[in-house]
Amino acid sequence: MSAYANKTVAVIGTGYVGLPMCLMLARAGWKVVGVDINPAVVQGIMEGRLHIREPVLQELFDTPVVRKNFTAQTTPPQADIFVVAVPTPLTHGATTADLTLVAKATESIVPVLRKGNLVVLESTVSPRCCRDVMTPILEKSGLKVHEDFYISHCPERILPGTGMLDEIENNDRIVGAANKTAQDLSVE
């Protein structure tokens, strides 16, 4: 049984990666809070309107189990697991992704980070993002990575408009973590 069974997951970013992840986790019985900085997106979710038009997303959203387990807000709540699923755009002429939104999402977790939490990055990033960008920000909480909280990178591989839920459910996932505990928790 998972160390995180019956716990709360906060998914930071309710876009093309985060929203389907929220719905699938809620369908599986997790308590899920979708976090988005856009109040209109949060209000729409709370009123039963999704901002992303994808096959079967609205249908899944409308199921009783998802409605029971999924809510949305503009700031992260205390949670057991935080999933960062924000865009990492590559601007014209750039050689690396813009990590501004990853940094901002990570900063938003600091006030509610607690001992034992798992932080999972799902955004597409270059190697060392967890170590070089996220960890220093998260450690501003006074907690230490691998001692007090865990971090991993599990990039999502989906293509909008191509059966996203099926891809999330059936694609093998890569898990990158600096220690076995973080890896094991992420796999579960």
N, C-alpha and C. Protein backbone atom coordinates (compact mmCIF):
# COMPACT_ATOMS: atom_id res chain seq x y z
N MET A 1 0.84 -1.18 0.00
CA MET A 1 0.00 0.00 0.00
C MET A 1 0.89 1.23 0.00
N SER A 2 0.53 2.20 -0.79
CA SER A 2 1.32 3.42 -0.95
C SER A 2 1.36 4.22 0.35
N ALA A 3 2.49 4.86 0.57
CA ALA A 3 2.60 5.77 1.70
C ALA A 3 1.68 6.97 1.51
N TYR A 4 1.22 7.18 0.29
CA TYR A 4 0.37 8.33 -0.02
C TYR A 4 -1.08 7.95 -0.30
N ALA A 5 -1.48 6.72 -0.01
CA ALA A 5 -2.87 6.31 -0.23
C ALA A 5 -3.81 7.22 0.57
N ASN A 6 -4.92 7.59 -0.04
CA ASN A 6 -5.93 8.44 0.60
C ASN A 6 -5.41 9.81 1.01
N LYS A 7 -4.51 10.34 0.24
CA LYS A 7 -3.94 11.65 0.53
C LYS A 7 -4.40 12.66 -0.51
N THR A 8 -3.97 13.91 -0.33
CA THR A 8 -4.34 15.00 -1.23
C THR A 8 -3.21 15.32 -2.19
N VAL A 9 -3.59 15.51 -3.45
CA VAL A 9 -2.65 15.91 -4.50
C VAL A 9 -3.03 17.31 -4.97
N ALA A 10 -2.06 18.21 -5.01
CA ALA A 10 -2.26 19.53 -5.59
C ALA A 10 -1.51 19.57 -6.92
N VAL A 11 -2.25 19.78 -8.00
CA VAL A 11 -1.65 19.86 -9.34
C VAL A 11 -1.56 21.33 -9.70
N ILE A 12 -0.32 21.82 -9.81
CA ILE A 12 -0.09 23.23 -10.12
C ILE A 12 -0.06 23.38 -11.64
N GLY A 13 -1.09 24.02 -12.17
CA GLY A 13 -1.24 24.17 -13.61
C GLY A 13 -2.35 23.27 -14.10
N THR A 14 -3.42 23.85 -14.64
CA THR A 14 -4.54 23.05 -15.13
C THR A 14 -4.69 23.20 -16.63
N GLY A 15 -3.58 23.11 -17.33
CA GLY A 15 -3.58 23.18 -18.78
C GLY A 15 -3.71 21.81 -19.41
N TYR A 16 -3.10 21.65 -20.58
CA TYR A 16 -3.23 20.41 -21.36
C TYR A 16 -2.62 19.19 -20.68
N VAL A 17 -1.71 19.40 -19.75
CA VAL A 17 -1.14 18.28 -18.99
C VAL A 17 -1.81 18.18 -17.62
N GLY A 18 -1.92 19.29 -16.92
CA GLY A 18 -2.43 19.28 -15.56
C GLY A 18 -3.89 18.91 -15.42
N LEU A 19 -4.74 19.45 -16.29
CA LEU A 19 -6.17 19.17 -16.16
C LEU A 19 -6.49 17.69 -16.35
N PRO A 20 -6.03 17.05 -17.42
CA PRO A 20 -6.30 15.61 -17.53
C PRO A 20 -5.74 14.81 -16.35
N MET A 21 -4.57 15.22 -15.85
CA MET A 21 -3.99 14.53 -14.69
C MET A 21 -4.91 14.69 -13.47
N CYS A 22 -5.44 15.89 -13.25
CA CYS A 22 -6.38 16.11 -12.15
C CYS A 22 -7.58 15.17 -12.26
N LEU A 23 -8.15 15.10 -13.44
CA LEU A 23 -9.36 14.30 -13.63
C LEU A 23 -9.10 12.82 -13.42
N MET A 24 -7.97 12.35 -13.91
CA MET A 24 -7.65 10.92 -13.77
C MET A 24 -7.34 10.56 -12.32
N LEU A 25 -6.62 11.43 -11.63
CA LEU A 25 -6.34 11.17 -10.22
C LEU A 25 -7.63 11.17 -9.40
N ALA A 26 -8.53 12.12 -9.70
CA ALA A 26 -9.81 12.18 -8.99
C ALA A 26 -10.65 10.94 -9.28
N ARG A 27 -10.63 10.48 -10.53
CA ARG A 27 -11.38 9.26 -10.88
C ARG A 27 -10.84 8.06 -10.10
N ALA A 28 -9.52 8.05 -9.84
CA ALA A 28 -8.90 6.94 -9.12
C ALA A 28 -9.13 7.03 -7.61
N GLY A 29 -9.78 8.09 -7.15
CA GLY A 29 -10.12 8.21 -5.74
C GLY A 29 -9.27 9.17 -4.93
N TRP A 30 -8.27 9.79 -5.55
CA TRP A 30 -7.46 10.77 -4.85
C TRP A 30 -8.27 12.05 -4.62
N LYS A 31 -7.99 12.74 -3.54
CA LYS A 31 -8.50 14.10 -3.33
C LYS A 31 -7.56 15.01 -4.10
N VAL A 32 -8.09 15.75 -5.08
CA VAL A 32 -7.26 16.53 -5.99
C VAL A 32 -7.68 17.99 -5.97
N VAL A 33 -6.68 18.87 -5.87
CA VAL A 33 -6.91 20.30 -6.00
C VAL A 33 -6.12 20.77 -7.21
N GLY A 34 -6.83 21.26 -8.21
CA GLY A 34 -6.17 21.87 -9.36
C GLY A 34 -5.89 23.32 -9.03
N VAL A 35 -4.65 23.74 -9.23
CA VAL A 35 -4.25 25.11 -8.90
C VAL A 35 -3.91 25.84 -10.19
N ASP A 36 -4.56 26.97 -10.40
CA ASP A 36 -4.28 27.78 -11.59
C ASP A 36 -4.28 29.24 -11.19
N ILE A 37 -3.34 30.01 -11.73
CA ILE A 37 -3.25 31.43 -11.37
C ILE A 37 -4.33 32.27 -12.04
N ASN A 38 -5.04 31.69 -12.99
CA ASN A 38 -6.10 32.41 -13.70
C ASN A 38 -7.43 32.19 -12.97
N PRO A 39 -7.96 33.23 -12.31
CA PRO A 39 -9.21 33.07 -11.57
C PRO A 39 -10.38 32.63 -12.45
N ALA A 40 -10.40 33.04 -13.71
CA ALA A 40 -11.49 32.64 -14.61
C ALA A 40 -11.46 31.13 -14.87
N VAL A 41 -10.27 30.56 -14.97
CA VAL A 41 -10.15 29.11 -15.16
C VAL A 41 -10.67 28.38 -13.92
N VAL A 42 -10.27 28.85 -12.75
CA VAL A 42 -10.71 28.24 -11.49
C VAL A 42 -12.22 28.36 -11.36
N GLN A 43 -12.76 29.54 -11.63
CA GLN A 43 -14.20 29.74 -11.53
C GLN A 43 -14.94 28.82 -12.49
N GLY A 44 -14.45 28.69 -13.71
CA GLY A 44 -15.07 27.80 -14.68
C GLY A 44 -15.11 26.37 -14.19
N ILE A 45 -13.99 25.90 -13.65
CA ILE A 45 -13.94 24.54 -13.12
C ILE A 45 -14.95 24.37 -12.00
N MET A 46 -15.00 25.33 -11.10
CA MET A 46 -15.92 25.24 -9.97
C MET A 46 -17.38 25.29 -10.41
N GLU A 47 -17.64 25.92 -11.57
CA GLU A 47 -19.00 26.00 -12.11
C GLU A 47 -19.30 24.86 -13.09
N GLY A 48 -18.34 23.96 -13.28
CA GLY A 48 -18.58 22.81 -14.14
C GLY A 48 -18.22 23.01 -15.60
N ARG A 49 -17.47 24.07 -15.90
CA ARG A 49 -17.06 24.35 -17.29
C ARG A 49 -15.55 24.20 -17.41
N LEU A 50 -15.13 23.34 -18.32
CA LEU A 50 -13.69 23.18 -18.55
C LEU A 50 -13.23 24.15 -19.63
N HIS A 51 -12.04 24.66 -19.48
CA HIS A 51 -11.47 25.62 -20.43
C HIS A 51 -10.72 24.94 -21.57
N ILE A 52 -10.55 23.65 -21.49
CA ILE A 52 -9.86 22.89 -22.53
C ILE A 52 -10.89 21.99 -23.20
N ARG A 53 -10.95 22.09 -24.49
CA ARG A 53 -11.89 21.27 -25.27
C ARG A 53 -11.15 20.07 -25.83
N GLU A 54 -11.27 18.96 -25.15
CA GLU A 54 -10.65 17.71 -25.57
C GLU A 54 -11.69 16.60 -25.50
N PRO A 55 -11.60 15.64 -26.39
CA PRO A 55 -12.54 14.52 -26.33
C PRO A 55 -12.50 13.86 -24.94
N VAL A 56 -13.61 13.58 -24.41
CA VAL A 56 -13.89 12.87 -23.16
C VAL A 56 -13.51 13.61 -21.87
N LEU A 57 -12.85 14.75 -21.94
CA LEU A 57 -12.51 15.45 -20.70
C LEU A 57 -13.76 15.89 -19.95
N GLN A 58 -14.69 16.54 -20.66
CA GLN A 58 -15.91 17.00 -20.00
C GLN A 58 -16.72 15.82 -19.47
N GLU A 59 -16.76 14.76 -20.26
CA GLU A 59 -17.49 13.56 -19.83
C GLU A 59 -16.91 12.99 -18.54
N LEU A 60 -15.58 12.92 -18.46
CA LEU A 60 -14.94 12.44 -17.24
C LEU A 60 -15.17 13.41 -16.09
N PHE A 61 -15.07 14.70 -16.37
CA PHE A 61 -15.27 15.73 -15.36
C PHE A 61 -16.66 15.64 -14.73
N ASP A 62 -17.65 15.28 -15.53
CA ASP A 62 -19.03 15.23 -15.07
C ASP A 62 -19.39 13.98 -14.28
N THR A 63 -18.48 13.03 -14.12
CA THR A 63 -18.79 11.82 -13.36
C THR A 63 -18.86 12.15 -11.87
N PRO A 64 -19.72 11.47 -11.13
CA PRO A 64 -19.87 11.77 -9.69
C PRO A 64 -18.56 11.64 -8.90
N VAL A 65 -17.76 10.62 -9.19
CA VAL A 65 -16.53 10.43 -8.42
C VAL A 65 -15.55 11.58 -8.65
N VAL A 66 -15.46 12.08 -9.87
CA VAL A 66 -14.55 13.21 -10.14
C VAL A 66 -15.09 14.47 -9.49
N ARG A 67 -16.38 14.72 -9.61
CA ARG A 67 -16.97 15.91 -8.98
C ARG A 67 -16.77 15.90 -7.47
N LYS A 68 -16.82 14.71 -6.88
CA LYS A 68 -16.63 14.58 -5.43
C LYS A 68 -15.18 14.85 -5.03
N ASN A 69 -14.23 14.40 -5.84
CA ASN A 69 -12.82 14.41 -5.45
C ASN A 69 -12.00 15.56 -6.00
N PHE A 70 -12.56 16.37 -6.90
CA PHE A 70 -11.78 17.40 -7.59
C PHE A 70 -12.34 18.79 -7.31
N THR A 71 -11.45 19.67 -6.92
CA THR A 71 -11.79 21.08 -6.73
C THR A 71 -10.66 21.91 -7.32
N ALA A 72 -10.84 23.22 -7.35
CA ALA A 72 -9.80 24.09 -7.92
C ALA A 72 -9.70 25.38 -7.11
N GLN A 73 -8.51 25.95 -7.11
CA GLN A 73 -8.28 27.23 -6.45
C GLN A 73 -7.05 27.89 -7.05
N THR A 74 -6.82 29.15 -6.66
CA THR A 74 -5.73 29.92 -7.28
C THR A 74 -4.40 29.80 -6.55
N THR A 75 -4.39 29.26 -5.35
CA THR A 75 -3.13 29.07 -4.62
C THR A 75 -3.07 27.64 -4.09
N PRO A 76 -1.87 27.09 -3.95
CA PRO A 76 -1.76 25.72 -3.46
C PRO A 76 -2.23 25.57 -2.02
N PRO A 77 -2.96 24.50 -1.74
CA PRO A 77 -3.33 24.19 -0.37
C PRO A 77 -2.24 23.33 0.26
N GLN A 78 -2.36 23.05 1.55
CA GLN A 78 -1.52 22.01 2.10
C GLN A 78 -1.92 20.71 1.42
N ALA A 79 -0.94 19.93 1.03
CA ALA A 79 -1.20 18.68 0.33
C ALA A 79 -0.08 17.70 0.67
N ASP A 80 -0.25 16.48 0.26
CA ASP A 80 0.77 15.46 0.48
C ASP A 80 1.70 15.36 -0.72
N ILE A 81 1.13 15.57 -1.89
CA ILE A 81 1.89 15.52 -3.14
C ILE A 81 1.59 16.78 -3.93
N PHE A 82 2.63 17.37 -4.49
CA PHE A 82 2.48 18.51 -5.39
C PHE A 82 3.00 18.09 -6.75
N VAL A 83 2.19 18.31 -7.78
CA VAL A 83 2.59 18.01 -9.14
C VAL A 83 2.67 19.34 -9.88
N VAL A 84 3.84 19.66 -10.41
CA VAL A 84 4.03 20.89 -11.18
C VAL A 84 3.90 20.54 -12.66
N ALA A 85 2.86 21.10 -13.28
CA ALA A 85 2.56 20.80 -14.68
C ALA A 85 2.27 22.10 -15.41
N VAL A 86 3.29 22.93 -15.53
CA VAL A 86 3.14 24.24 -16.18
C VAL A 86 3.91 24.27 -17.49
N PRO A 87 3.54 25.20 -18.39
CA PRO A 87 4.24 25.29 -19.68
C PRO A 87 5.71 25.68 -19.52
N THR A 88 6.52 25.16 -20.41
CA THR A 88 7.94 25.53 -20.49
C THR A 88 8.23 25.87 -21.95
N PRO A 89 7.79 27.05 -22.37
CA PRO A 89 7.90 27.39 -23.80
C PRO A 89 9.34 27.57 -24.26
N LEU A 90 9.52 27.30 -25.52
CA LEU A 90 10.80 27.54 -26.18
C LEU A 90 10.56 28.69 -27.14
N THR A 91 11.11 29.84 -26.82
CA THR A 91 10.88 31.01 -27.66
C THR A 91 11.78 30.98 -28.88
N HIS A 92 11.39 31.71 -29.91
CA HIS A 92 12.13 31.75 -31.16
C HIS A 92 13.59 32.14 -30.90
N GLY A 93 14.49 31.32 -31.37
CA GLY A 93 15.91 31.59 -31.24
C GLY A 93 16.53 31.10 -29.94
N ALA A 94 15.70 30.66 -29.00
CA ALA A 94 16.22 30.19 -27.72
C ALA A 94 16.74 28.76 -27.86
N THR A 95 17.72 28.44 -27.04
CA THR A 95 18.27 27.07 -27.05
C THR A 95 17.82 26.26 -25.83
N THR A 96 17.17 26.93 -24.88
CA THR A 96 16.65 26.23 -23.70
C THR A 96 15.23 26.70 -23.42
N ALA A 97 14.50 25.88 -22.71
CA ALA A 97 13.12 26.22 -22.35
C ALA A 97 13.09 27.33 -21.32
N ASP A 98 12.04 28.11 -21.35
CA ASP A 98 11.82 29.17 -20.37
C ASP A 98 11.25 28.52 -19.10
N LEU A 99 12.00 28.59 -18.02
CA LEU A 99 11.61 27.94 -16.77
C LEU A 99 10.94 28.89 -15.78
N THR A 100 10.55 30.07 -16.26
CA THR A 100 9.94 31.06 -15.38
C THR A 100 8.71 30.52 -14.67
N LEU A 101 7.83 29.84 -15.40
CA LEU A 101 6.61 29.32 -14.78
C LEU A 101 6.89 28.16 -13.83
N VAL A 102 7.91 27.38 -14.12
CA VAL A 102 8.32 26.31 -13.19
C VAL A 102 8.78 26.94 -11.88
N ALA A 103 9.60 27.99 -11.98
CA ALA A 103 10.09 28.66 -10.77
C ALA A 103 8.94 29.28 -9.98
N LYS A 104 8.01 29.94 -10.67
CA LYS A 104 6.88 30.56 -9.98
C LYS A 104 5.98 29.52 -9.32
N ALA A 105 5.73 28.43 -10.02
CA ALA A 105 4.91 27.35 -9.44
C ALA A 105 5.59 26.77 -8.21
N THR A 106 6.90 26.58 -8.29
CA THR A 106 7.66 26.04 -7.16
C THR A 106 7.61 27.00 -5.98
N GLU A 107 7.77 28.30 -6.25
CA GLU A 107 7.69 29.30 -5.19
C GLU A 107 6.33 29.26 -4.48
N SER A 108 5.29 28.98 -5.23
CA SER A 108 3.95 28.95 -4.63
C SER A 108 3.76 27.79 -3.66
N ILE A 109 4.60 26.77 -3.77
CA ILE A 109 4.52 25.60 -2.89
C ILE A 109 5.20 25.87 -1.54
N VAL A 110 6.22 26.72 -1.53
CA VAL A 110 7.05 26.93 -0.34
C VAL A 110 6.24 27.19 0.94
N PRO A 111 5.23 28.07 0.93
CA PRO A 111 4.50 28.33 2.18
C PRO A 111 3.74 27.14 2.74
N VAL A 112 3.45 26.15 1.91
CA VAL A 112 2.65 25.00 2.38
C VAL A 112 3.42 23.69 2.36
N LEU A 113 4.70 23.73 2.04
CA LEU A 113 5.53 22.52 2.01
C LEU A 113 5.72 22.00 3.42
N ARG A 114 5.52 20.69 3.60
CA ARG A 114 5.67 20.07 4.91
C ARG A 114 6.58 18.86 4.82
N LYS A 115 7.04 18.43 5.98
CA LYS A 115 7.85 17.23 6.06
C LYS A 115 7.09 16.05 5.48
N GLY A 116 7.78 15.25 4.65
CA GLY A 116 7.18 14.07 4.06
C GLY A 116 6.53 14.30 2.71
N ASN A 117 6.41 15.57 2.28
CA ASN A 117 5.79 15.86 0.98
C ASN A 117 6.64 15.34 -0.17
N LEU A 118 5.95 15.05 -1.27
CA LEU A 118 6.58 14.69 -2.53
C LEU A 118 6.23 15.78 -3.54
N VAL A 119 7.24 16.29 -4.24
CA VAL A 119 7.04 17.28 -5.31
C VAL A 119 7.47 16.62 -6.61
N VAL A 120 6.54 16.56 -7.56
CA VAL A 120 6.79 15.91 -8.84
C VAL A 120 6.71 16.95 -9.95
N LEU A 121 7.75 17.04 -10.75
CA LEU A 121 7.75 17.93 -11.91
C LEU A 121 7.34 17.13 -13.13
N GLU A 122 6.27 17.56 -13.80
CA GLU A 122 5.82 16.89 -15.02
C GLU A 122 6.14 17.69 -16.27
N SER A 123 6.53 18.93 -16.12
CA SER A 123 6.82 19.78 -17.27
C SER A 123 8.03 19.27 -18.03
N THR A 124 8.10 19.61 -19.31
CA THR A 124 9.24 19.24 -20.14
C THR A 124 10.38 20.20 -19.86
N VAL A 125 11.46 19.69 -19.33
CA VAL A 125 12.61 20.52 -18.97
C VAL A 125 13.91 19.79 -19.30
N SER A 126 14.99 20.53 -19.23
CA SER A 126 16.30 19.93 -19.45
C SER A 126 16.78 19.27 -18.16
N PRO A 127 17.79 18.42 -18.26
CA PRO A 127 18.33 17.77 -17.06
C PRO A 127 18.76 18.80 -16.01
N ARG A 128 18.66 18.42 -14.78
CA ARG A 128 19.09 19.18 -13.61
C ARG A 128 18.11 20.28 -13.18
N CYS A 129 16.96 20.38 -13.81
CA CYS A 129 16.00 21.41 -13.41
C CYS A 129 15.55 21.22 -11.96
N CYS A 130 15.27 19.99 -11.57
CA CYS A 130 14.86 19.74 -10.19
C CYS A 130 15.95 20.16 -9.22
N ARG A 131 17.17 19.80 -9.54
CA ARG A 131 18.30 20.09 -8.65
C ARG A 131 18.67 21.57 -8.65
N ASP A 132 18.76 22.17 -9.84
CA ASP A 132 19.30 23.52 -9.94
C ASP A 132 18.26 24.63 -9.81
N VAL A 133 17.01 24.35 -10.16
CA VAL A 133 15.97 25.38 -10.11
C VAL A 133 15.02 25.15 -8.94
N MET A 134 14.43 23.98 -8.87
CA MET A 134 13.38 23.74 -7.89
C MET A 134 13.88 23.54 -6.46
N THR A 135 14.92 22.74 -6.28
CA THR A 135 15.39 22.43 -4.93
C THR A 135 15.79 23.68 -4.15
N PRO A 136 16.60 24.60 -4.71
CA PRO A 136 16.94 25.80 -3.94
C PRO A 136 15.71 26.62 -3.53
N ILE A 137 14.72 26.66 -4.39
CA ILE A 137 13.49 27.40 -4.06
C ILE A 137 12.75 26.68 -2.93
N LEU A 138 12.56 25.38 -3.05
CA LEU A 138 11.83 24.62 -2.04
C LEU A 138 12.53 24.64 -0.69
N GLU A 139 13.85 24.66 -0.69
CA GLU A 139 14.59 24.66 0.58
C GLU A 139 14.49 26.00 1.30
N LYS A 140 13.93 27.03 0.66
CA LYS A 140 13.65 28.29 1.36
C LYS A 140 12.59 28.07 2.45
N SER A 141 11.92 26.94 2.40
CA SER A 141 10.92 26.59 3.42
C SER A 141 11.58 26.21 4.74
N GLY A 142 12.90 25.99 4.71
CA GLY A 142 13.60 25.51 5.89
C GLY A 142 13.73 24.00 5.92
N LEU A 143 13.08 23.33 4.98
CA LEU A 143 13.17 21.87 4.87
C LEU A 143 14.27 21.49 3.89
N LYS A 144 14.82 20.31 4.06
CA LYS A 144 15.91 19.83 3.21
C LYS A 144 15.43 18.70 2.31
N VAL A 145 15.81 18.80 1.03
CA VAL A 145 15.45 17.76 0.08
C VAL A 145 16.11 16.44 0.50
N HIS A 146 15.44 15.35 0.30
CA HIS A 146 15.86 13.97 0.61
C HIS A 146 15.88 13.67 2.11
N GLU A 147 15.79 14.70 2.94
CA GLU A 147 15.69 14.49 4.38
C GLU A 147 14.26 14.75 4.85
N ASP A 148 13.72 15.89 4.43
CA ASP A 148 12.39 16.31 4.89
C ASP A 148 11.31 16.17 3.82
N PHE A 149 11.68 16.33 2.55
CA PHE A 149 10.73 16.19 1.46
C PHE A 149 11.45 15.55 0.28
N TYR A 150 10.67 15.12 -0.69
CA TYR A 150 11.23 14.39 -1.84
C TYR A 150 10.84 15.11 -3.13
N ILE A 151 11.66 14.92 -4.14
CA ILE A 151 11.41 15.55 -5.43
C ILE A 151 11.75 14.57 -6.55
N SER A 152 10.97 14.63 -7.62
CA SER A 152 11.24 13.78 -8.77
C SER A 152 10.77 14.47 -10.05
N HIS A 153 11.20 13.92 -11.16
CA HIS A 153 10.77 14.41 -12.48
C HIS A 153 10.14 13.24 -13.22
N CYS A 154 8.89 13.40 -13.57
CA CYS A 154 8.14 12.39 -14.32
C CYS A 154 7.49 13.09 -15.51
N PRO A 155 8.24 13.34 -16.57
CA PRO A 155 7.69 14.12 -17.68
C PRO A 155 6.50 13.43 -18.33
N GLU A 156 5.47 14.21 -18.57
CA GLU A 156 4.28 13.69 -19.24
C GLU A 156 4.51 13.72 -20.74
N ARG A 157 4.07 12.67 -21.39
CA ARG A 157 4.22 12.60 -22.85
C ARG A 157 2.83 12.49 -23.46
N ILE A 158 2.24 13.66 -23.71
CA ILE A 158 0.92 13.66 -24.35
C ILE A 158 0.92 14.65 -25.49
N LEU A 159 0.02 14.43 -26.42
CA LEU A 159 -0.15 15.31 -27.56
C LEU A 159 -1.60 15.77 -27.56
N PRO A 160 -1.86 17.06 -27.30
CA PRO A 160 -3.24 17.54 -27.25
C PRO A 160 -4.02 17.15 -28.51
N GLY A 161 -5.27 16.75 -28.29
CA GLY A 161 -6.15 16.41 -29.39
C GLY A 161 -6.01 14.98 -29.89
N THR A 162 -5.25 14.15 -29.18
CA THR A 162 -5.02 12.79 -29.67
C THR A 162 -5.38 11.72 -28.64
N GLY A 163 -6.44 11.95 -27.91
CA GLY A 163 -6.82 10.95 -26.91
C GLY A 163 -5.93 11.04 -25.69
N MET A 164 -5.87 12.22 -25.09
CA MET A 164 -4.96 12.49 -23.99
C MET A 164 -5.11 11.52 -22.83
N LEU A 165 -6.33 11.22 -22.45
CA LEU A 165 -6.53 10.32 -21.31
C LEU A 165 -5.96 8.95 -21.57
N ASP A 166 -6.16 8.45 -22.78
CA ASP A 166 -5.61 7.15 -23.15
C ASP A 166 -4.09 7.18 -23.09
N GLU A 167 -3.49 8.27 -23.57
CA GLU A 167 -2.03 8.37 -23.52
C GLU A 167 -1.52 8.41 -22.09
N ILE A 168 -2.20 9.14 -21.22
CA ILE A 168 -1.77 9.21 -19.82
C ILE A 168 -1.88 7.85 -19.16
N GLU A 169 -2.97 7.14 -19.41
CA GLU A 169 -3.19 5.84 -18.77
C GLU A 169 -2.26 4.76 -19.29
N ASN A 170 -1.94 4.79 -20.58
CA ASN A 170 -1.27 3.65 -21.20
C ASN A 170 0.20 3.85 -21.56
N ASN A 171 0.69 5.07 -21.56
CA ASN A 171 2.11 5.28 -21.86
C ASN A 171 2.96 4.96 -20.65
N ASP A 172 4.07 4.29 -20.88
CA ASP A 172 5.02 4.08 -19.80
C ASP A 172 5.59 5.43 -19.40
N ARG A 173 5.89 5.58 -18.13
CA ARG A 173 6.41 6.84 -17.62
C ARG A 173 7.86 6.68 -17.21
N ILE A 174 8.60 7.73 -17.42
CA ILE A 174 9.98 7.81 -16.96
C ILE A 174 9.95 8.51 -15.61
N VAL A 175 10.69 7.99 -14.65
CA VAL A 175 10.79 8.63 -13.34
C VAL A 175 12.25 8.91 -13.06
N GLY A 176 12.56 10.17 -12.86
CA GLY A 176 13.91 10.55 -12.49
C GLY A 176 13.91 11.07 -11.06
N ALA A 177 14.74 10.51 -10.22
CA ALA A 177 14.82 10.93 -8.83
C ALA A 177 16.25 10.73 -8.34
N ALA A 178 16.63 11.52 -7.35
CA ALA A 178 18.00 11.45 -6.85
C ALA A 178 18.20 10.38 -5.79
N ASN A 179 17.11 9.83 -5.26
CA ASN A 179 17.27 8.73 -4.31
C ASN A 179 16.12 7.74 -4.44
N LYS A 180 16.29 6.58 -3.85
CA LYS A 180 15.33 5.49 -4.01
C LYS A 180 13.97 5.82 -3.39
N THR A 181 13.96 6.52 -2.28
CA THR A 181 12.69 6.86 -1.64
C THR A 181 11.84 7.72 -2.57
N ALA A 182 12.44 8.76 -3.13
CA ALA A 182 11.71 9.64 -4.06
C ALA A 182 11.25 8.86 -5.28
N GLN A 183 12.09 7.98 -5.76
CA GLN A 183 11.73 7.16 -6.93
C GLN A 183 10.55 6.25 -6.60
N ASP A 184 10.64 5.54 -5.49
CA ASP A 184 9.57 4.60 -5.12
C ASP A 184 8.24 5.32 -4.90
N LEU A 185 8.27 6.46 -4.22
CA LEU A 185 7.04 7.22 -3.98
C LEU A 185 6.45 7.72 -5.29
N SER A 186 7.29 8.14 -6.21
CA SER A 186 6.82 8.65 -7.50
C SER A 186 6.21 7.55 -8.35
N VAL A 187 6.80 6.38 -8.31
CA VAL A 187 6.28 5.25 -9.09
C VAL A 187 4.90 4.85 -8.57
N GLU A 188 4.73 4.86 -7.25
CA GLU A 188 3.43 4.50 -6.68
C GLU A 188 2.38 5.48 -7.09
